[in-house]
Amino acid sequence: AVVSTQSTGRQLRLELQMLYKQADTVISHAQAMKAVDDRKGMAFPSIKNNLRINLQKLQAEVTEQRKRVATANIKYEAEKSNREAVEKEVKQLRQELINSKISSSVSGR
């Protein structure tokens, strides 16, 4: 279960990086359109509005991906602590078993 959580975290990070790249592209395009608009004195309202809408969508996706990454990290940490607790308990039980075998072999002689 820990491995799947780690791979899920990696997958979410990759998706988040992809969204950041898309957002950078939209922002760069918007800045280029503004530069053209400033130079020629022309207005591109539909293009600007489309870019704003796309940027808002990408920002919402980035926010959602951050939430998913945070949730995956919380699950990972919980699984990690559970695993450590179980490993500690197994170690303790093994030690008790060894001690009981030693005491039974000593008393059996």
N, C-alpha and C. Protein backbone atom coordinates (compact mmCIF):
# COMPACT_ATOMS: atom_id res chain seq x y z
N ALA A 1 0.82 -1.20 0.00
CA ALA A 1 0.00 0.00 0.00
C ALA A 1 0.87 1.26 0.00
N VAL A 2 2.02 1.19 0.65
CA VAL A 2 2.91 2.35 0.69
C VAL A 2 3.44 2.66 -0.69
N VAL A 3 3.79 1.63 -1.44
CA VAL A 3 4.35 1.83 -2.78
C VAL A 3 3.31 2.52 -3.67
N SER A 4 2.06 2.09 -3.59
CA SER A 4 1.03 2.71 -4.43
C SER A 4 0.81 4.17 -4.05
N THR A 5 0.91 4.49 -2.78
CA THR A 5 0.76 5.88 -2.35
C THR A 5 1.92 6.72 -2.87
N GLN A 6 3.12 6.16 -2.83
CA GLN A 6 4.28 6.89 -3.34
C GLN A 6 4.16 7.11 -4.84
N SER A 7 3.73 6.08 -5.56
CA SER A 7 3.59 6.24 -7.01
C SER A 7 2.48 7.22 -7.34
N THR A 8 1.42 7.22 -6.53
CA THR A 8 0.34 8.20 -6.71
C THR A 8 0.87 9.60 -6.49
N GLY A 9 1.68 9.78 -5.47
CA GLY A 9 2.28 11.09 -5.20
C GLY A 9 3.15 11.56 -6.36
N ARG A 10 3.95 10.62 -6.92
CA ARG A 10 4.78 10.97 -8.07
C ARG A 10 3.91 11.38 -9.26
N GLN A 11 2.85 10.61 -9.49
CA GLN A 11 1.94 10.89 -10.60
C GLN A 11 1.32 12.28 -10.44
N LEU A 12 0.89 12.61 -9.22
CA LEU A 12 0.28 13.91 -8.97
C LEU A 12 1.28 15.04 -9.17
N ARG A 13 2.53 14.82 -8.75
CA ARG A 13 3.55 15.84 -8.95
C ARG A 13 3.80 16.09 -10.43
N LEU A 14 3.83 15.01 -11.23
CA LEU A 14 4.02 15.15 -12.67
C LEU A 14 2.86 15.91 -13.30
N GLU A 15 1.64 15.59 -12.89
CA GLU A 15 0.47 16.30 -13.41
C GLU A 15 0.52 17.77 -13.04
N LEU A 16 0.95 18.06 -11.81
CA LEU A 16 1.06 19.44 -11.35
C LEU A 16 2.10 20.20 -12.17
N GLN A 17 3.23 19.57 -12.46
CA GLN A 17 4.25 20.20 -13.29
C GLN A 17 3.71 20.50 -14.68
N MET A 18 2.94 19.56 -15.23
CA MET A 18 2.36 19.76 -16.55
C MET A 18 1.40 20.95 -16.54
N LEU A 19 0.61 21.06 -15.49
CA LEU A 19 -0.33 22.18 -15.38
C LEU A 19 0.42 23.51 -15.27
N TYR A 20 1.52 23.52 -14.52
CA TYR A 20 2.32 24.74 -14.41
C TYR A 20 2.86 25.15 -15.78
N LYS A 21 3.31 24.17 -16.57
CA LYS A 21 3.83 24.47 -17.90
C LYS A 21 2.72 25.04 -18.79
N GLN A 22 1.52 24.46 -18.69
CA GLN A 22 0.40 24.97 -19.47
C GLN A 22 0.07 26.40 -19.05
N ALA A 23 0.08 26.65 -17.75
CA ALA A 23 -0.22 27.99 -17.25
C ALA A 23 0.84 28.98 -17.74
N ASP A 24 2.11 28.57 -17.72
CA ASP A 24 3.17 29.44 -18.24
C ASP A 24 2.95 29.76 -19.70
N THR A 25 2.52 28.77 -20.48
CA THR A 25 2.26 28.99 -21.90
C THR A 25 1.13 29.99 -22.09
N VAL A 26 0.07 29.83 -21.32
CA VAL A 26 -1.07 30.75 -21.42
C VAL A 26 -0.63 32.16 -21.04
N ILE A 27 0.13 32.28 -19.97
CA ILE A 27 0.59 33.60 -19.51
C ILE A 27 1.51 34.23 -20.57
N SER A 28 2.42 33.43 -21.13
CA SER A 28 3.32 33.94 -22.17
C SER A 28 2.53 34.42 -23.38
N HIS A 29 1.55 33.63 -23.76
CA HIS A 29 0.71 34.00 -24.91
C HIS A 29 -0.05 35.30 -24.61
N ALA A 30 -0.57 35.41 -23.40
CA ALA A 30 -1.31 36.62 -23.02
C ALA A 30 -0.39 37.83 -23.04
N GLN A 31 0.84 37.67 -22.57
CA GLN A 31 1.79 38.77 -22.57
C GLN A 31 2.16 39.17 -23.99
N ALA A 32 2.32 38.16 -24.86
CA ALA A 32 2.62 38.45 -26.26
C ALA A 32 1.47 39.20 -26.92
N MET A 33 0.24 38.80 -26.63
CA MET A 33 -0.93 39.46 -27.19
C MET A 33 -1.02 40.90 -26.68
N LYS A 34 -0.68 41.10 -25.41
CA LYS A 34 -0.71 42.45 -24.85
C LYS A 34 0.33 43.32 -25.54
N ALA A 35 1.51 42.74 -25.81
CA ALA A 35 2.56 43.49 -26.49
C ALA A 35 2.10 43.89 -27.89
N VAL A 36 1.45 42.97 -28.60
CA VAL A 36 0.93 43.29 -29.93
C VAL A 36 -0.14 44.36 -29.82
N ASP A 37 -1.01 44.20 -28.85
CA ASP A 37 -2.10 45.16 -28.62
C ASP A 37 -1.53 46.55 -28.33
N ASP A 38 -0.48 46.61 -27.49
CA ASP A 38 0.12 47.90 -27.14
C ASP A 38 0.81 48.55 -28.34
N ARG A 39 1.45 47.74 -29.19
CA ARG A 39 2.17 48.28 -30.32
C ARG A 39 1.24 48.79 -31.42
N LYS A 40 0.23 48.05 -31.72
CA LYS A 40 -0.64 48.39 -32.84
C LYS A 40 -1.88 49.18 -32.42
N GLY A 41 -2.10 49.23 -31.13
CA GLY A 41 -3.29 49.93 -30.66
C GLY A 41 -4.57 49.16 -30.95
N MET A 42 -4.44 47.88 -31.26
CA MET A 42 -5.61 47.06 -31.55
C MET A 42 -6.06 46.34 -30.29
N ALA A 43 -7.31 46.04 -30.26
CA ALA A 43 -7.85 45.30 -29.12
C ALA A 43 -8.21 43.89 -29.56
N PHE A 44 -7.90 42.93 -28.72
CA PHE A 44 -8.25 41.54 -28.96
C PHE A 44 -9.09 41.04 -27.78
N PRO A 45 -10.28 41.56 -27.62
CA PRO A 45 -11.05 41.21 -26.42
C PRO A 45 -11.38 39.73 -26.32
N SER A 46 -11.76 39.09 -27.43
CA SER A 46 -12.13 37.68 -27.35
C SER A 46 -10.93 36.81 -27.01
N ILE A 47 -9.78 37.13 -27.59
CA ILE A 47 -8.57 36.35 -27.31
C ILE A 47 -8.16 36.56 -25.85
N LYS A 48 -8.20 37.80 -25.41
CA LYS A 48 -7.83 38.08 -24.02
C LYS A 48 -8.77 37.37 -23.05
N ASN A 49 -10.07 37.42 -23.34
CA ASN A 49 -11.03 36.76 -22.46
C ASN A 49 -10.82 35.25 -22.46
N ASN A 50 -10.54 34.69 -23.63
CA ASN A 50 -10.28 33.25 -23.70
C ASN A 50 -9.04 32.88 -22.89
N LEU A 51 -8.01 33.71 -22.99
CA LEU A 51 -6.80 33.45 -22.23
C LEU A 51 -7.06 33.56 -20.73
N ARG A 52 -7.85 34.55 -20.35
CA ARG A 52 -8.18 34.69 -18.92
C ARG A 52 -8.95 33.47 -18.43
N ILE A 53 -9.92 33.03 -19.22
CA ILE A 53 -10.71 31.85 -18.84
C ILE A 53 -9.81 30.62 -18.74
N ASN A 54 -8.94 30.43 -19.74
CA ASN A 54 -8.02 29.29 -19.70
C ASN A 54 -7.10 29.35 -18.50
N LEU A 55 -6.63 30.54 -18.19
CA LEU A 55 -5.75 30.71 -17.04
C LEU A 55 -6.49 30.38 -15.75
N GLN A 56 -7.72 30.84 -15.62
CA GLN A 56 -8.51 30.53 -14.43
C GLN A 56 -8.75 29.04 -14.29
N LYS A 57 -9.02 28.37 -15.41
CA LYS A 57 -9.22 26.91 -15.38
C LYS A 57 -7.95 26.21 -14.92
N LEU A 58 -6.82 26.64 -15.48
CA LEU A 58 -5.55 26.04 -15.10
C LEU A 58 -5.22 26.29 -13.63
N GLN A 59 -5.53 27.50 -13.15
CA GLN A 59 -5.29 27.78 -11.74
C GLN A 59 -6.16 26.91 -10.85
N ALA A 60 -7.41 26.67 -11.26
CA ALA A 60 -8.29 25.79 -10.50
C ALA A 60 -7.76 24.35 -10.51
N GLU A 61 -7.24 23.92 -11.67
CA GLU A 61 -6.67 22.57 -11.75
C GLU A 61 -5.43 22.44 -10.87
N VAL A 62 -4.60 23.47 -10.86
CA VAL A 62 -3.41 23.45 -10.01
C VAL A 62 -3.82 23.37 -8.55
N THR A 63 -4.82 24.14 -8.16
CA THR A 63 -5.30 24.10 -6.78
C THR A 63 -5.81 22.70 -6.43
N GLU A 64 -6.57 22.10 -7.33
CA GLU A 64 -7.10 20.75 -7.11
C GLU A 64 -5.96 19.74 -7.00
N GLN A 65 -4.96 19.86 -7.86
CA GLN A 65 -3.83 18.95 -7.81
C GLN A 65 -3.05 19.11 -6.49
N ARG A 66 -2.92 20.33 -6.03
CA ARG A 66 -2.24 20.55 -4.74
C ARG A 66 -3.00 19.87 -3.62
N LYS A 67 -4.33 19.96 -3.66
CA LYS A 67 -5.14 19.28 -2.65
C LYS A 67 -4.95 17.77 -2.72
N ARG A 68 -4.91 17.23 -3.95
CA ARG A 68 -4.72 15.79 -4.11
C ARG A 68 -3.34 15.36 -3.60
N VAL A 69 -2.32 16.17 -3.87
CA VAL A 69 -0.97 15.86 -3.39
C VAL A 69 -0.95 15.89 -1.86
N ALA A 70 -1.58 16.90 -1.27
CA ALA A 70 -1.62 16.99 0.19
C ALA A 70 -2.34 15.79 0.79
N THR A 71 -3.45 15.39 0.18
CA THR A 71 -4.19 14.22 0.66
C THR A 71 -3.35 12.96 0.54
N ALA A 72 -2.67 12.81 -0.58
CA ALA A 72 -1.81 11.64 -0.78
C ALA A 72 -0.68 11.62 0.24
N ASN A 73 -0.11 12.79 0.54
CA ASN A 73 0.96 12.86 1.54
C ASN A 73 0.46 12.50 2.92
N ILE A 74 -0.75 12.93 3.26
CA ILE A 74 -1.34 12.58 4.56
C ILE A 74 -1.54 11.07 4.65
N LYS A 75 -2.08 10.48 3.57
CA LYS A 75 -2.28 9.02 3.56
C LYS A 75 -0.95 8.29 3.68
N TYR A 76 0.05 8.79 2.95
CA TYR A 76 1.37 8.17 3.00
C TYR A 76 1.95 8.21 4.40
N GLU A 77 1.87 9.36 5.04
CA GLU A 77 2.41 9.49 6.40
C GLU A 77 1.67 8.58 7.38
N ALA A 78 0.34 8.47 7.23
CA ALA A 78 -0.43 7.59 8.10
C ALA A 78 -0.03 6.13 7.89
N GLU A 79 0.11 5.72 6.63
CA GLU A 79 0.52 4.36 6.34
C GLU A 79 1.94 4.09 6.84
N LYS A 80 2.79 5.07 6.70
CA LYS A 80 4.16 4.94 7.17
C LYS A 80 4.22 4.74 8.68
N SER A 81 3.44 5.55 9.41
CA SER A 81 3.45 5.42 10.87
C SER A 81 2.81 4.09 11.30
N ASN A 82 1.76 3.66 10.60
CA ASN A 82 1.16 2.36 10.90
C ASN A 82 2.15 1.23 10.65
N ARG A 83 2.88 1.32 9.56
CA ARG A 83 3.87 0.31 9.23
C ARG A 83 4.95 0.24 10.30
N GLU A 84 5.42 1.41 10.72
CA GLU A 84 6.46 1.44 11.76
C GLU A 84 5.95 0.85 13.07
N ALA A 85 4.69 1.13 13.41
CA ALA A 85 4.11 0.58 14.63
C ALA A 85 4.00 -0.94 14.54
N VAL A 86 3.57 -1.43 13.39
CA VAL A 86 3.44 -2.89 13.21
C VAL A 86 4.81 -3.55 13.25
N GLU A 87 5.81 -2.94 12.61
CA GLU A 87 7.16 -3.49 12.64
C GLU A 87 7.70 -3.55 14.07
N LYS A 88 7.42 -2.51 14.84
CA LYS A 88 7.86 -2.48 16.24
C LYS A 88 7.18 -3.58 17.04
N GLU A 89 5.88 -3.76 16.80
CA GLU A 89 5.13 -4.80 17.51
C GLU A 89 5.63 -6.19 17.13
N VAL A 90 5.91 -6.42 15.86
CA VAL A 90 6.43 -7.71 15.41
C VAL A 90 7.78 -7.98 16.06
N LYS A 91 8.62 -6.96 16.12
CA LYS A 91 9.93 -7.10 16.74
C LYS A 91 9.79 -7.48 18.22
N GLN A 92 8.84 -6.82 18.88
CA GLN A 92 8.61 -7.09 20.30
C GLN A 92 8.08 -8.51 20.49
N LEU A 93 7.17 -8.95 19.65
CA LEU A 93 6.63 -10.30 19.74
C LEU A 93 7.70 -11.35 19.47
N ARG A 94 8.56 -11.10 18.52
CA ARG A 94 9.67 -12.03 18.24
C ARG A 94 10.59 -12.14 19.45
N GLN A 95 10.86 -11.00 20.07
CA GLN A 95 11.73 -11.02 21.25
C GLN A 95 11.06 -11.79 22.39
N GLU A 96 9.77 -11.60 22.58
CA GLU A 96 9.04 -12.34 23.62
C GLU A 96 9.05 -13.83 23.32
N LEU A 97 8.89 -14.21 22.06
CA LEU A 97 8.91 -15.61 21.66
C LEU A 97 10.28 -16.22 21.93
N ILE A 98 11.33 -15.49 21.58
CA ILE A 98 12.68 -15.97 21.84
C ILE A 98 12.90 -16.14 23.35
N ASN A 99 12.46 -15.15 24.11
CA ASN A 99 12.62 -15.22 25.57
C ASN A 99 11.85 -16.41 26.16
N SER A 100 10.63 -16.65 25.66
CA SER A 100 9.84 -17.77 26.19
C SER A 100 10.47 -19.11 25.78
N LYS A 101 11.05 -19.21 24.60
CA LYS A 101 11.74 -20.43 24.17
C LYS A 101 12.95 -20.67 25.03
N ILE A 102 13.68 -19.60 25.31
CA ILE A 102 14.88 -19.73 26.15
C ILE A 102 14.49 -20.18 27.55
N SER A 103 13.46 -19.57 28.11
CA SER A 103 13.05 -19.93 29.48
C SER A 103 12.48 -21.34 29.53
N SER A 104 11.78 -21.79 28.48
CA SER A 104 11.24 -23.14 28.50
C SER A 104 12.35 -24.17 28.29
N SER A 105 13.35 -23.82 27.51
CA SER A 105 14.47 -24.76 27.31
C SER A 105 15.33 -24.84 28.57
N VAL A 106 15.46 -23.75 29.27
CA VAL A 106 16.24 -23.73 30.52
C VAL A 106 15.50 -24.50 31.60
N SER A 107 14.20 -24.31 31.71
CA SER A 107 13.43 -25.02 32.74
C SER A 107 13.20 -26.47 32.36
N GLY A 108 13.28 -26.79 31.09
CA GLY A 108 13.10 -28.17 30.63
C GLY A 108 14.32 -29.03 30.85
N ARG A 109 15.45 -28.48 31.14
CA ARG A 109 16.68 -29.26 31.33
C ARG A 109 16.73 -29.83 32.65
